[in-house]
Amino acid sequence: MADTSNIYVGVAGYFGKPDNPGRVGVFQRAARGGEWKHVLGSVQAFTVFVHPGDSTKVFAGTSDGIWISTDAGASFKRADFPDANKEVWSFMVDSRDPAKMLAGASPIDVYRSEDGGQSWRKLATPGVREYCKGPFSSRVMRFAQNPKKPDEIYAALEINGVMRSTDGGETWSDCSAGLVKLAEREHLKSKIVSDTTAEGMLDGHAVTINPADPESPILALRMGLFRSTDHGKTWEDMEVGRFSPTTYGRDIKVSAAEPNTLYAALSVAASSHDGGLYRSQDNGQSWKRFDKVQVHGTIMSIGLHPRDPKQVYIGARYDGEVFGTQDGGATWQAIPLPGDVQHIYSVACG
């Protein structure tokens, strides 16, 4: 049977450079080939998410709430979302019920849907501590649900660390104290946009959980990859620098089709012109470079096919750079977005 999957890319403006030219929104292309289509262009898109149980449903987290497609990305409409001009950065489907979803926003808020993403309601604002104040509001960048204890969910927060829920997302507790403690180490100090050298350890971008190791969430942040084995009370440095010359962790995902396999996007910094995609086949104990391309921007996102482990895609920040493999990394193809675009934030496929 022919592959009917699509690749999706979310594009948004770059903070501090509002006058840059280029298009924003969502681009869609068939995985088997063809031209990119600019399917949503009226808003910035910070994340694109394919529903794991129904690939015809695609969600865009945008500068104006949530937009939904029910025709595999051919068209989008704004969902019944309660807040105008609210930035949405992440999605999660509850593993117990495909109709139940969470969305994460900036400033930090969590929204719930119980009808497959058609309508949303805002939950109580998480009362987590603000560790550093930057020029933009902190963002809920990624959720990770414990597959054995689905009421336990972790959320990565950009410049505010990580938070944890034990009631399915209704309430949240802070899990960043251990990250701040690690920031006392000289090589883990970093201050760019705030008043604290703990900023780098609080600059969370993604979190994932390996189903084979459900009690050990892994966090990707500015200073590398970090793992907790005590529900976020403390975090240990996975020392990914032993395997990669670049350690800025922008994305980490666990393969749905390959046991114990993780993929990590590692670059130099938020605004850089180098980086690589690394794969671990032993739950993060060791890593090897997986891609065979040279990016010219920070690798922002990894798109893993939910059923076909041979399909892997990456998006680099600048110049619409998208690359992919459909043969398990043996060969790679450049599939750049057309014309002038703003900055890539998200890649998904399904």
C-alpha atoms as a PDB file:
ATOM      1  CA  MET A   1       0.000   0.000   0.000  1.00  0.00           C
ATOM      2  CA  ALA A   2       1.343   3.426  -0.928  1.00  0.00           C
ATOM      3  CA  ASP A   3       2.410   5.710   1.893  1.00  0.00           C
ATOM      4  CA  THR A   4      -0.223   8.402   2.353  1.00  0.00           C
ATOM      5  CA  SER A   5       1.678  10.177   5.130  1.00  0.00           C
ATOM      6  CA  ASN A   6       2.408  13.887   5.098  1.00  0.00           C
ATOM      7  CA  ILE A   7       5.199  16.065   6.440  1.00  0.00           C
ATOM      8  CA  TYR A   8       4.236  19.272   8.254  1.00  0.00           C
ATOM      9  CA  VAL A   9       6.374  22.272   9.193  1.00  0.00           C
ATOM     10  CA  GLY A  10       5.444  25.069  11.586  1.00  0.00           C
ATOM     11  CA  VAL A  11       6.997  28.482  10.907  1.00  0.00           C
ATOM     12  CA  ALA A  12       7.022  31.586  13.118  1.00  0.00           C
ATOM     13  CA  GLY A  13       8.872  34.862  13.482  1.00  0.00           C
ATOM     14  CA  TYR A  14      12.090  35.180  15.428  1.00  0.00           C
ATOM     15  CA  PHE A  15      12.028  37.024  18.736  1.00  0.00           C
ATOM     16  CA  GLY A  16      13.646  40.426  18.472  1.00  0.00           C
ATOM     17  CA  LYS A  17      13.440  40.599  14.668  1.00  0.00           C
ATOM     18  CA  PRO A  18       9.782  41.361  13.907  1.00  0.00           C
ATOM     19  CA  ASP A  19      10.518  43.062  10.591  1.00  0.00           C
ATOM     20  CA  ASN A  20      12.207  40.098   8.918  1.00  0.00           C
ATOM     21  CA  PRO A  21      10.555  39.192   5.615  1.00  0.00           C
ATOM     22  CA  GLY A  22       9.089  35.784   4.930  1.00  0.00           C
ATOM     23  CA  ARG A  23       5.977  33.691   5.346  1.00  0.00           C
ATOM     24  CA  VAL A  24       4.762  32.050   8.545  1.00  0.00           C
ATOM     25  CA  GLY A  25       2.225  29.363   9.415  1.00  0.00           C
ATOM     26  CA  VAL A  26       2.037  25.717   8.346  1.00  0.00           C
ATOM     27  CA  PHE A  27       3.460  24.013   5.259  1.00  0.00           C
ATOM     28  CA  GLN A  28       2.381  20.523   4.152  1.00  0.00           C
ATOM     29  CA  ARG A  29       3.903  18.030   1.704  1.00  0.00           C
ATOM     30  CA  ALA A  30       3.277  14.371   0.911  1.00  0.00           C
ATOM     31  CA  ALA A  31       6.006  12.148   2.362  1.00  0.00           C
ATOM     32  CA  ARG A  32       6.245  10.239  -0.932  1.00  0.00           C
ATOM     33  CA  GLY A  33       7.106  13.460  -2.777  1.00  0.00           C
ATOM     34  CA  GLY A  34       5.579  16.502  -4.415  1.00  0.00           C
ATOM     35  CA  GLU A  35       5.427  20.230  -3.764  1.00  0.00           C
ATOM     36  CA  TRP A  36       5.081  22.031  -0.469  1.00  0.00           C
ATOM     37  CA  LYS A  37       1.699  23.686   0.102  1.00  0.00           C
ATOM     38  CA  HIS A  38       1.299  26.717   2.345  1.00  0.00           C
ATOM     39  CA  VAL A  39      -1.869  25.492   4.079  1.00  0.00           C
ATOM     40  CA  LEU A  40      -2.073  28.023   6.933  1.00  0.00           C
ATOM     41  CA  GLY A  41      -0.640  31.493   6.509  1.00  0.00           C
ATOM     42  CA  SER A  42      -2.692  33.866   8.634  1.00  0.00           C
ATOM     43  CA  VAL A  43      -0.914  33.135  11.952  1.00  0.00           C
ATOM     44  CA  GLN A  44       2.504  32.125  13.226  1.00  0.00           C
ATOM     45  CA  ALA A  45       2.842  28.402  14.039  1.00  0.00           C
ATOM     46  CA  PHE A  46       5.054  27.366  16.955  1.00  0.00           C
ATOM     47  CA  THR A  47       4.165  23.673  16.847  1.00  0.00           C
ATOM     48  CA  VAL A  48       2.479  21.195  14.511  1.00  0.00           C
ATOM     49  CA  PHE A  49       1.071  17.955  15.900  1.00  0.00           C
ATOM     50  CA  VAL A  50      -0.440  14.923  14.163  1.00  0.00           C
ATOM     51  CA  HIS A  51      -2.967  13.044  16.288  1.00  0.00           C
ATOM     52  CA  PRO A  52      -1.364   9.645  16.995  1.00  0.00           C
ATOM     53  CA  GLY A  53      -4.675   7.817  16.623  1.00  0.00           C
ATOM     54  CA  ASP A  54      -6.019   9.641  13.579  1.00  0.00           C
ATOM     55  CA  SER A  55      -3.574  11.076  11.049  1.00  0.00           C
ATOM     56  CA  THR A  56      -6.316  13.086   9.326  1.00  0.00           C
ATOM     57  CA  LYS A  57      -6.388  15.344  12.405  1.00  0.00           C
ATOM     58  CA  VAL A  58      -3.531  17.849  12.550  1.00  0.00           C
ATOM     59  CA  PHE A  59      -3.161  20.626  15.113  1.00  0.00           C
ATOM     60  CA  ALA A  60      -1.255  23.885  14.897  1.00  0.00           C
ATOM     61  CA  GLY A  61      -0.279  25.789  18.017  1.00  0.00           C
ATOM     62  CA  THR A  62      -0.174  29.391  16.875  1.00  0.00           C
ATOM     63  CA  SER A  63       0.075  33.041  17.848  1.00  0.00           C
ATOM     64  CA  ASP A  64      -3.742  32.991  18.030  1.00  0.00           C
ATOM     65  CA  GLY A  65      -4.587  29.820  19.885  1.00  0.00           C
ATOM     66  CA  ILE A  66      -5.233  26.417  18.326  1.00  0.00           C
ATOM     67  CA  TRP A  67      -6.041  25.704  14.697  1.00  0.00           C
ATOM     68  CA  ILE A  68      -7.225  22.274  13.573  1.00  0.00           C
ATOM     69  CA  SER A  69      -7.291  20.341  10.313  1.00  0.00           C
ATOM     70  CA  THR A  70      -9.553  17.323   9.816  1.00  0.00           C
ATOM     71  CA  ASP A  71      -8.401  16.609   6.251  1.00  0.00           C
ATOM     72  CA  ALA A  72      -4.730  15.714   6.809  1.00  0.00           C
ATOM     73  CA  GLY A  73      -3.571  19.302   6.670  1.00  0.00           C
ATOM     74  CA  ALA A  74      -5.248  20.332   3.439  1.00  0.00           C
ATOM     75  CA  SER A  75      -7.098  23.106   5.294  1.00  0.00           C
ATOM     76  CA  PHE A  76      -7.203  24.564   8.807  1.00  0.00           C
ATOM     77  CA  LYS A  77      -9.776  26.389  10.893  1.00  0.00           C
ATOM     78  CA  ARG A  78      -9.527  27.920  14.344  1.00  0.00           C
ATOM     79  CA  ALA A  79     -10.727  25.569  17.074  1.00  0.00           C
ATOM     80  CA  ASP A  80     -13.194  26.635  19.750  1.00  0.00           C
ATOM     81  CA  PHE A  81     -10.437  28.079  21.906  1.00  0.00           C
ATOM     82  CA  PRO A  82     -11.293  30.509  24.719  1.00  0.00           C
ATOM     83  CA  ASP A  83      -8.450  33.049  24.510  1.00  0.00           C
ATOM     84  CA  ALA A  84      -7.568  35.311  21.575  1.00  0.00           C
ATOM     85  CA  ASN A  85      -3.921  35.919  20.673  1.00  0.00           C
ATOM     86  CA  LYS A  86      -2.701  33.268  23.115  1.00  0.00           C
ATOM     87  CA  GLU A  87       0.492  31.538  22.007  1.00  0.00           C
ATOM     88  CA  VAL A  88       0.215  27.729  22.005  1.00  0.00           C
ATOM     89  CA  TRP A  89       3.464  25.739  21.934  1.00  0.00           C
ATOM     90  CA  SER A  90       2.644  22.086  22.684  1.00  0.00           C
ATOM     91  CA  PHE A  91       0.096  19.267  22.523  1.00  0.00           C
ATOM     92  CA  MET A  92      -0.426  15.882  24.136  1.00  0.00           C
ATOM     93  CA  VAL A  93      -3.043  13.166  23.645  1.00  0.00           C
ATOM     94  CA  ASP A  94      -3.967  11.178  26.744  1.00  0.00           C
ATOM     95  CA  SER A  95      -2.832   7.587  26.205  1.00  0.00           C
ATOM     96  CA  ARG A  96      -6.064   6.325  27.817  1.00  0.00           C
ATOM     97  CA  ASP A  97      -8.531   8.240  25.661  1.00  0.00           C
ATOM     98  CA  PRO A  98      -7.800   9.695  22.187  1.00  0.00           C
ATOM     99  CA  ALA A  99     -10.500  12.345  22.680  1.00  0.00           C
ATOM    100  CA  LYS A 100      -8.706  13.870  25.665  1.00  0.00           C
ATOM    101  CA  MET A 101      -5.870  16.300  24.946  1.00  0.00           C
ATOM    102  CA  LEU A 102      -3.706  18.902  26.642  1.00  0.00           C
ATOM    103  CA  ALA A 103      -2.204  22.051  25.119  1.00  0.00           C
ATOM    104  CA  GLY A 104       0.568  24.171  26.608  1.00  0.00           C
ATOM    105  CA  ALA A 105       0.808  27.912  26.190  1.00  0.00           C
ATOM    106  CA  SER A 106       2.791  31.095  26.804  1.00  0.00           C
ATOM    107  CA  PRO A 107       2.540  32.720  29.313  1.00  0.00           C
ATOM    108  CA  ILE A 108       2.472  29.395  31.186  1.00  0.00           C
ATOM    109  CA  ASP A 109      -1.015  27.916  30.982  1.00  0.00           C
ATOM    110  CA  VAL A 110      -2.518  24.517  30.228  1.00  0.00           C
ATOM    111  CA  TYR A 111      -5.719  23.866  28.268  1.00  0.00           C
ATOM    112  CA  ARG A 112      -7.811  20.698  28.058  1.00  0.00           C
ATOM    113  CA  SER A 113      -9.991  19.234  25.317  1.00  0.00           C
ATOM    114  CA  GLU A 114     -12.341  16.296  25.791  1.00  0.00           C
ATOM    115  CA  ASP A 115     -13.704  16.149  22.251  1.00  0.00           C
ATOM    116  CA  GLY A 116     -10.623  15.425  20.175  1.00  0.00           C
ATOM    117  CA  GLY A 117      -9.428  19.009  20.022  1.00  0.00           C
ATOM    118  CA  GLN A 118     -12.541  20.671  18.644  1.00  0.00           C
ATOM    119  CA  SER A 119     -13.086  22.736  21.809  1.00  0.00           C
ATOM    120  CA  TRP A 120     -10.814  23.709  24.676  1.00  0.00           C
ATOM    121  CA  ARG A 121     -11.034  25.061  28.223  1.00  0.00           C
ATOM    122  CA  LYS A 122      -8.356  26.710  30.286  1.00  0.00           C
ATOM    123  CA  LEU A 123      -7.270  24.889  33.440  1.00  0.00           C
ATOM    124  CA  ALA A 124      -6.054  26.631  36.578  1.00  0.00           C
ATOM    125  CA  THR A 125      -2.806  28.465  35.853  1.00  0.00           C
ATOM    126  CA  PRO A 126       0.082  26.361  37.224  1.00  0.00           C
ATOM    127  CA  GLY A 127       1.424  27.993  40.349  1.00  0.00           C
ATOM    128  CA  VAL A 128       5.072  27.294  39.674  1.00  0.00           C
ATOM    129  CA  ARG A 129       7.814  29.604  40.845  1.00  0.00           C
ATOM    130  CA  GLU A 130       9.288  32.125  38.399  1.00  0.00           C
ATOM    131  CA  TYR A 131      13.023  31.496  38.588  1.00  0.00           C
ATOM    132  CA  CYS A 132      14.185  34.096  36.106  1.00  0.00           C
ATOM    133  CA  LYS A 133      12.563  36.930  34.252  1.00  0.00           C
ATOM    134  CA  GLY A 134      13.385  37.284  30.560  1.00  0.00           C
ATOM    135  CA  PRO A 135      12.261  39.412  27.631  1.00  0.00           C
ATOM    136  CA  PHE A 136       9.523  36.906  26.715  1.00  0.00           C
ATOM    137  CA  SER A 137       7.023  34.966  28.797  1.00  0.00           C
ATOM    138  CA  SER A 138       7.904  31.398  29.713  1.00  0.00           C
ATOM    139  CA  ARG A 139       6.455  28.716  27.447  1.00  0.00           C
ATOM    140  CA  VAL A 140       5.081  25.202  27.946  1.00  0.00           C
ATOM    141  CA  MET A 141       7.228  23.562  25.271  1.00  0.00           C
ATOM    142  CA  ARG A 142       6.465  19.830  25.559  1.00  0.00           C
ATOM    143  CA  PHE A 143       4.519  17.281  27.595  1.00  0.00           C
ATOM    144  CA  ALA A 144       5.535  13.714  28.448  1.00  0.00           C
ATOM    145  CA  GLN A 145       3.098  11.231  29.994  1.00  0.00           C
ATOM    146  CA  ASN A 146       4.218   8.274  32.095  1.00  0.00           C
ATOM    147  CA  PRO A 147       2.896   5.236  30.153  1.00  0.00           C
ATOM    148  CA  LYS A 148       2.604   3.158  33.335  1.00  0.00           C
ATOM    149  CA  LYS A 149       1.114   5.942  35.490  1.00  0.00           C
ATOM    150  CA  PRO A 150      -0.764   8.114  32.989  1.00  0.00           C
ATOM    151  CA  ASP A 151      -1.854  10.654  35.588  1.00  0.00           C
ATOM    152  CA  GLU A 152       1.825  11.614  35.904  1.00  0.00           C
ATOM    153  CA  ILE A 153       2.812  14.165  33.265  1.00  0.00           C
ATOM    154  CA  TYR A 154       5.938  16.303  32.922  1.00  0.00           C
ATOM    155  CA  ALA A 155       6.133  19.600  31.052  1.00  0.00           C
ATOM    156  CA  ALA A 156       9.297  21.316  29.796  1.00  0.00           C
ATOM    157  CA  LEU A 157       9.282  25.097  30.283  1.00  0.00           C
ATOM    158  CA  GLU A 158      11.403  27.494  28.271  1.00  0.00           C
ATOM    159  CA  ILE A 159      13.503  29.532  30.743  1.00  0.00           C
ATOM    160  CA  ASN A 160      11.579  28.103  33.696  1.00  0.00           C
ATOM    161  CA  GLY A 161      12.708  24.478  33.952  1.00  0.00           C
ATOM    162  CA  VAL A 162      10.130  21.706  34.308  1.00  0.00           C
ATOM    163  CA  MET A 163       6.872  21.017  36.122  1.00  0.00           C
ATOM    164  CA  ARG A 164       5.006  17.816  37.012  1.00  0.00           C
ATOM    165  CA  SER A 165       1.372  16.837  37.390  1.00  0.00           C
ATOM    166  CA  THR A 166       0.063  13.779  39.244  1.00  0.00           C
ATOM    167  CA  ASP A 167      -3.594  14.311  38.383  1.00  0.00           C
ATOM    168  CA  GLY A 168      -3.581  14.248  34.608  1.00  0.00           C
ATOM    169  CA  GLY A 169      -2.740  17.915  34.142  1.00  0.00           C
ATOM    170  CA  GLU A 170      -5.275  19.563  36.430  1.00  0.00           C
ATOM    171  CA  THR A 171      -2.613  20.841  38.847  1.00  0.00           C
ATOM    172  CA  TRP A 172       1.175  21.146  38.638  1.00  0.00           C
ATOM    173  CA  SER A 173       4.167  21.249  40.962  1.00  0.00           C
ATOM    174  CA  ASP A 174       7.605  22.699  40.367  1.00  0.00           C
ATOM    175  CA  CYS A 175      10.473  20.318  39.520  1.00  0.00           C
ATOM    176  CA  SER A 176      13.204  22.864  38.832  1.00  0.00           C
ATOM    177  CA  ALA A 177      15.035  23.110  42.149  1.00  0.00           C
ATOM    178  CA  GLY A 178      17.382  20.290  41.141  1.00  0.00           C
ATOM    179  CA  LEU A 179      18.202  22.065  37.886  1.00  0.00           C
ATOM    180  CA  VAL A 180      19.024  25.266  39.758  1.00  0.00           C
ATOM    181  CA  LYS A 181      21.292  23.250  42.060  1.00  0.00           C
ATOM    182  CA  LEU A 182      23.185  21.842  39.069  1.00  0.00           C
ATOM    183  CA  ALA A 183      23.616  25.405  37.761  1.00  0.00           C
ATOM    184  CA  GLU A 184      26.011  26.020  40.661  1.00  0.00           C
ATOM    185  CA  ARG A 185      28.562  24.028  38.668  1.00  0.00           C
ATOM    186  CA  GLU A 186      30.739  26.358  36.637  1.00  0.00           C
ATOM    187  CA  HIS A 187      30.320  24.547  33.306  1.00  0.00           C
ATOM    188  CA  LEU A 188      26.517  24.584  33.636  1.00  0.00           C
ATOM    189  CA  LYS A 189      26.176  28.336  34.203  1.00  0.00           C
ATOM    190  CA  SER A 190      24.681  30.407  31.376  1.00  0.00           C
ATOM    191  CA  LYS A 191      23.074  33.854  31.331  1.00  0.00           C
ATOM    192  CA  ILE A 192      21.829  35.452  28.096  1.00  0.00           C
ATOM    193  CA  VAL A 193      18.423  37.079  28.594  1.00  0.00           C
ATOM    194  CA  SER A 194      17.913  37.200  32.378  1.00  0.00           C
ATOM    195  CA  ASP A 195      19.650  38.153  35.616  1.00  0.00           C
ATOM    196  CA  THR A 196      20.677  34.668  36.751  1.00  0.00           C
ATOM    197  CA  THR A 197      23.381  32.248  35.647  1.00  0.00           C
ATOM    198  CA  ALA A 198      20.896  29.418  36.307  1.00  0.00           C
ATOM    199  CA  GLU A 199      19.071  30.520  33.160  1.00  0.00           C
ATOM    200  CA  GLY A 200      20.724  27.908  30.937  1.00  0.00           C
ATOM    201  CA  MET A 201      19.629  25.058  33.188  1.00  0.00           C
ATOM    202  CA  LEU A 202      16.086  26.436  33.203  1.00  0.00           C
ATOM    203  CA  ASP A 203      15.904  26.769  29.429  1.00  0.00           C
ATOM    204  CA  GLY A 204      13.773  23.661  28.858  1.00  0.00           C
ATOM    205  CA  HIS A 205      12.814  22.785  25.294  1.00  0.00           C
ATOM    206  CA  ALA A 206      11.554  19.198  25.290  1.00  0.00           C
ATOM    207  CA  VAL A 207      10.886  16.262  27.592  1.00  0.00           C
ATOM    208  CA  THR A 208      10.268  12.610  26.754  1.00  0.00           C
ATOM    209  CA  ILE A 209       9.761   9.272  28.506  1.00  0.00           C
ATOM    210  CA  ASN A 210      10.949   5.925  27.195  1.00  0.00           C
ATOM    211  CA  PRO A 211       8.146   3.350  27.745  1.00  0.00           C
ATOM    212  CA  ALA A 212      10.837   0.826  28.685  1.00  0.00           C
ATOM    213  CA  ASP A 213      12.013   3.171  31.478  1.00  0.00           C
ATOM    214  CA  PRO A 214       8.824   4.986  32.510  1.00  0.00           C
ATOM    215  CA  GLU A 215      10.119   6.419  35.783  1.00  0.00           C
ATOM    216  CA  SER A 216      12.958   8.367  34.142  1.00  0.00           C
ATOM    217  CA  PRO A 217      11.917  11.465  32.192  1.00  0.00           C
ATOM    218  CA  ILE A 218      14.623  13.002  30.004  1.00  0.00           C
ATOM    219  CA  LEU A 219      14.830  16.768  29.536  1.00  0.00           C
ATOM    220  CA  ALA A 220      16.482  18.607  26.639  1.00  0.00           C
ATOM    221  CA  LEU A 221      17.652  22.098  27.514  1.00  0.00           C
ATOM    222  CA  ARG A 222      20.302  24.650  26.700  1.00  0.00           C
ATOM    223  CA  MET A 223      23.020  22.928  28.704  1.00  0.00           C
ATOM    224  CA  GLY A 224      22.433  19.405  27.362  1.00  0.00           C
ATOM    225  CA  LEU A 225      20.326  16.363  28.238  1.00  0.00           C
ATOM    226  CA  PHE A 226      19.320  15.571  31.807  1.00  0.00           C
ATOM    227  CA  ARG A 227      17.504  12.642  33.415  1.00  0.00           C
ATOM    228  CA  SER A 228      15.562  12.290  36.671  1.00  0.00           C
ATOM    229  CA  THR A 229      14.925   9.037  38.517  1.00  0.00           C
ATOM    230  CA  ASP A 230      13.071  10.513  41.506  1.00  0.00           C
ATOM    231  CA  HIS A 231      10.069  12.267  39.941  1.00  0.00           C
ATOM    232  CA  GLY A 232      11.939  15.478  39.198  1.00  0.00           C
ATOM    233  CA  LYS A 233      13.357  16.118  42.661  1.00  0.00           C
ATOM    234  CA  THR A 234      16.900  15.864  41.288  1.00  0.00           C
ATOM    235  CA  TRP A 235      18.381  15.678  37.791  1.00  0.00           C
ATOM    236  CA  GLU A 236      21.568  14.058  36.507  1.00  0.00           C
ATOM    237  CA  ASP A 237      23.659  15.213  33.569  1.00  0.00           C
ATOM    238  CA  MET A 238      23.647  12.574  30.828  1.00  0.00           C
ATOM    239  CA  GLU A 239      26.917  14.146  29.574  1.00  0.00           C
ATOM    240  CA  VAL A 240      25.954  14.026  25.930  1.00  0.00           C
ATOM    241  CA  GLY A 241      29.105  16.055  25.226  1.00  0.00           C
ATOM    242  CA  ARG A 242      31.031  12.778  25.381  1.00  0.00           C
ATOM    243  CA  PHE A 243      29.429  11.905  22.040  1.00  0.00           C
ATOM    244  CA  SER A 244      28.647  15.239  20.371  1.00  0.00           C
ATOM    245  CA  PRO A 245      30.702  18.428  19.910  1.00  0.00           C
ATOM    246  CA  THR A 246      27.440  20.396  20.205  1.00  0.00           C
ATOM    247  CA  THR A 247      25.229  20.073  23.272  1.00  0.00           C
ATOM    248  CA  TYR A 248      22.413  22.663  23.014  1.00  0.00           C
ATOM    249  CA  GLY A 249      19.383  20.363  23.348  1.00  0.00           C
ATOM    250  CA  ARG A 250      16.440  21.687  21.393  1.00  0.00           C
ATOM    251  CA  ASP A 251      14.453  18.486  20.908  1.00  0.00           C
ATOM    252  CA  ILE A 252      14.383  14.913  22.168  1.00  0.00           C
ATOM    253  CA  LYS A 253      11.914  12.229  21.169  1.00  0.00           C
ATOM    254  CA  VAL A 254      11.492   8.531  21.809  1.00  0.00           C
ATOM    255  CA  SER A 255      10.727   6.301  18.852  1.00  0.00           C
ATOM    256  CA  ALA A 256       7.262   4.757  18.887  1.00  0.00           C
ATOM    257  CA  ALA A 257       8.462   1.862  16.734  1.00  0.00           C
ATOM    258  CA  GLU A 258      12.000   1.113  17.995  1.00  0.00           C
ATOM    259  CA  PRO A 259      12.545  -0.121  21.559  1.00  0.00           C
ATOM    260  CA  ASN A 260      14.917   1.963  23.718  1.00  0.00           C
ATOM    261  CA  THR A 261      15.635   4.337  20.816  1.00  0.00           C
ATOM    262  CA  LEU A 262      15.890   8.090  21.362  1.00  0.00           C
ATOM    263  CA  TYR A 263      16.624  10.932  18.947  1.00  0.00           C
ATOM    264  CA  ALA A 264      18.121  14.246  20.069  1.00  0.00           C
ATOM    265  CA  ALA A 265      18.611  17.501  18.153  1.00  0.00           C
ATOM    266  CA  LEU A 266      21.889  19.017  19.340  1.00  0.00           C
ATOM    267  CA  SER A 267      23.202  22.370  18.136  1.00  0.00           C
ATOM    268  CA  VAL A 268      25.497  25.164  19.297  1.00  0.00           C
ATOM    269  CA  ALA A 269      22.953  27.679  20.574  1.00  0.00           C
ATOM    270  CA  ALA A 270      19.485  29.065  19.879  1.00  0.00           C
ATOM    271  CA  SER A 271      20.892  31.091  16.987  1.00  0.00           C
ATOM    272  CA  SER A 272      23.635  29.043  15.374  1.00  0.00           C
ATOM    273  CA  HIS A 273      24.641  27.638  11.999  1.00  0.00           C
ATOM    274  CA  ASP A 274      25.530  24.082  12.927  1.00  0.00           C
ATOM    275  CA  GLY A 275      24.123  21.031  14.646  1.00  0.00           C
ATOM    276  CA  GLY A 276      23.395  17.344  14.296  1.00  0.00           C
ATOM    277  CA  LEU A 277      20.763  14.710  14.896  1.00  0.00           C
ATOM    278  CA  TYR A 278      21.939  12.019  17.294  1.00  0.00           C
ATOM    279  CA  ARG A 279      20.434   8.594  17.962  1.00  0.00           C
ATOM    280  CA  SER A 280      20.713   6.397  21.038  1.00  0.00           C
ATOM    281  CA  GLN A 281      19.674   2.750  20.872  1.00  0.00           C
ATOM    282  CA  ASP A 282      20.373   2.059  24.544  1.00  0.00           C
ATOM    283  CA  ASN A 283      18.089   4.539  26.310  1.00  0.00           C
ATOM    284  CA  GLY A 284      20.592   7.380  26.265  1.00  0.00           C
ATOM    285  CA  GLN A 285      23.663   5.555  27.549  1.00  0.00           C
ATOM    286  CA  SER A 286      25.484   6.251  24.275  1.00  0.00           C
ATOM    287  CA  TRP A 287      24.809   8.336  21.177  1.00  0.00           C
ATOM    288  CA  LYS A 288      25.883   8.360  17.522  1.00  0.00           C
ATOM    289  CA  ARG A 289      25.432  10.985  14.823  1.00  0.00           C
ATOM    290  CA  PHE A 290      22.460   9.893  12.729  1.00  0.00           C
ATOM    291  CA  ASP A 291      22.016  12.511  10.021  1.00  0.00           C
ATOM    292  CA  LYS A 292      24.279  12.931   6.979  1.00  0.00           C
ATOM    293  CA  VAL A 293      23.622  16.603   6.230  1.00  0.00           C
ATOM    294  CA  GLN A 294      25.063  20.008   7.041  1.00  0.00           C
ATOM    295  CA  VAL A 295      22.481  22.358   8.478  1.00  0.00           C
ATOM    296  CA  HIS A 296      22.948  26.126   8.412  1.00  0.00           C
ATOM    297  CA  GLY A 297      20.757  26.838  11.398  1.00  0.00           C
ATOM    298  CA  THR A 298      19.941  25.411  14.823  1.00  0.00           C
ATOM    299  CA  ILE A 299      18.050  22.108  14.508  1.00  0.00           C
ATOM    300  CA  MET A 300      14.730  23.019  16.100  1.00  0.00           C
ATOM    301  CA  SER A 301      12.599  19.911  15.725  1.00  0.00           C
ATOM    302  CA  ILE A 302      12.569  16.179  14.984  1.00  0.00           C
ATOM    303  CA  GLY A 303       9.674  14.554  13.130  1.00  0.00           C
ATOM    304  CA  LEU A 304       9.391  10.802  13.753  1.00  0.00           C
ATOM    305  CA  HIS A 305       6.876   8.737  11.806  1.00  0.00           C
ATOM    306  CA  PRO A 306       4.554   6.993  14.317  1.00  0.00           C
ATOM    307  CA  ARG A 307       4.621   3.641  12.501  1.00  0.00           C
ATOM    308  CA  ASP A 308       7.560   3.631  10.089  1.00  0.00           C
ATOM    309  CA  PRO A 309      10.881   3.950  11.978  1.00  0.00           C
ATOM    310  CA  LYS A 310      12.771   4.442   8.712  1.00  0.00           C
ATOM    311  CA  GLN A 311      11.199   7.880   8.237  1.00  0.00           C
ATOM    312  CA  VAL A 312      12.884  10.668  10.228  1.00  0.00           C
ATOM    313  CA  TYR A 313      12.773  14.407   9.459  1.00  0.00           C
ATOM    314  CA  ILE A 314      14.478  17.478  10.906  1.00  0.00           C
ATOM    315  CA  GLY A 315      13.948  21.206  10.523  1.00  0.00           C
ATOM    316  CA  ALA A 316      16.695  23.800  10.976  1.00  0.00           C
ATOM    317  CA  ARG A 317      15.835  27.327  12.006  1.00  0.00           C
ATOM    318  CA  TYR A 318      16.950  29.409   9.017  1.00  0.00           C
ATOM    319  CA  ASP A 319      16.258  29.456   5.274  1.00  0.00           C
ATOM    320  CA  GLY A 320      13.436  26.905   5.423  1.00  0.00           C
ATOM    321  CA  GLU A 321      15.842  23.998   5.815  1.00  0.00           C
ATOM    322  CA  VAL A 322      14.117  20.607   6.061  1.00  0.00           C
ATOM    323  CA  PHE A 323      15.885  17.270   5.635  1.00  0.00           C
ATOM    324  CA  GLY A 324      14.632  13.722   5.813  1.00  0.00           C
ATOM    325  CA  THR A 325      15.462  10.055   5.472  1.00  0.00           C
ATOM    326  CA  GLN A 326      13.059   7.319   4.446  1.00  0.00           C
ATOM    327  CA  ASP A 327      15.520   4.439   4.607  1.00  0.00           C
ATOM    328  CA  GLY A 328      16.600   4.520   8.233  1.00  0.00           C
ATOM    329  CA  GLY A 329      19.374   7.053   7.791  1.00  0.00           C
ATOM    330  CA  ALA A 330      21.198   5.423   4.862  1.00  0.00           C
ATOM    331  CA  THR A 331      20.422   8.379   2.605  1.00  0.00           C
ATOM    332  CA  TRP A 332      19.118  11.884   3.240  1.00  0.00           C
ATOM    333  CA  GLN A 333      17.179  14.309   1.066  1.00  0.00           C
ATOM    334  CA  ALA A 334      16.999  18.096   1.290  1.00  0.00           C
ATOM    335  CA  ILE A 335      13.365  19.230   1.012  1.00  0.00           C
ATOM    336  CA  PRO A 336      13.520  22.979   1.731  1.00  0.00           C
ATOM    337  CA  LEU A 337      10.426  25.120   2.078  1.00  0.00           C
ATOM    338  CA  PRO A 338       9.774  27.325  -0.966  1.00  0.00           C
ATOM    339  CA  GLY A 339      10.618  31.024  -1.160  1.00  0.00           C
ATOM    340  CA  ASP A 340      11.258  33.331   1.773  1.00  0.00           C
ATOM    341  CA  VAL A 341      10.035  31.962   5.077  1.00  0.00           C
ATOM    342  CA  GLN A 342      10.502  32.984   8.667  1.00  0.00           C
ATOM    343  CA  HIS A 343      11.969  30.582  11.216  1.00  0.00           C
ATOM    344  CA  ILE A 344      11.152  26.876  11.457  1.00  0.00           C
ATOM    345  CA  TYR A 345      10.000  25.805  14.920  1.00  0.00           C
ATOM    346  CA  SER A 346       8.355  22.429  14.392  1.00  0.00           C
ATOM    347  CA  VAL A 347       8.377  19.386  12.093  1.00  0.00           C
ATOM    348  CA  ALA A 348       5.873  16.525  12.271  1.00  0.00           C
ATOM    349  CA  CYS A 349       4.821  13.633  10.092  1.00  0.00           C
ATOM    350  CA  GLY A 350       2.058  11.068   9.953  1.00  0.00           C
END
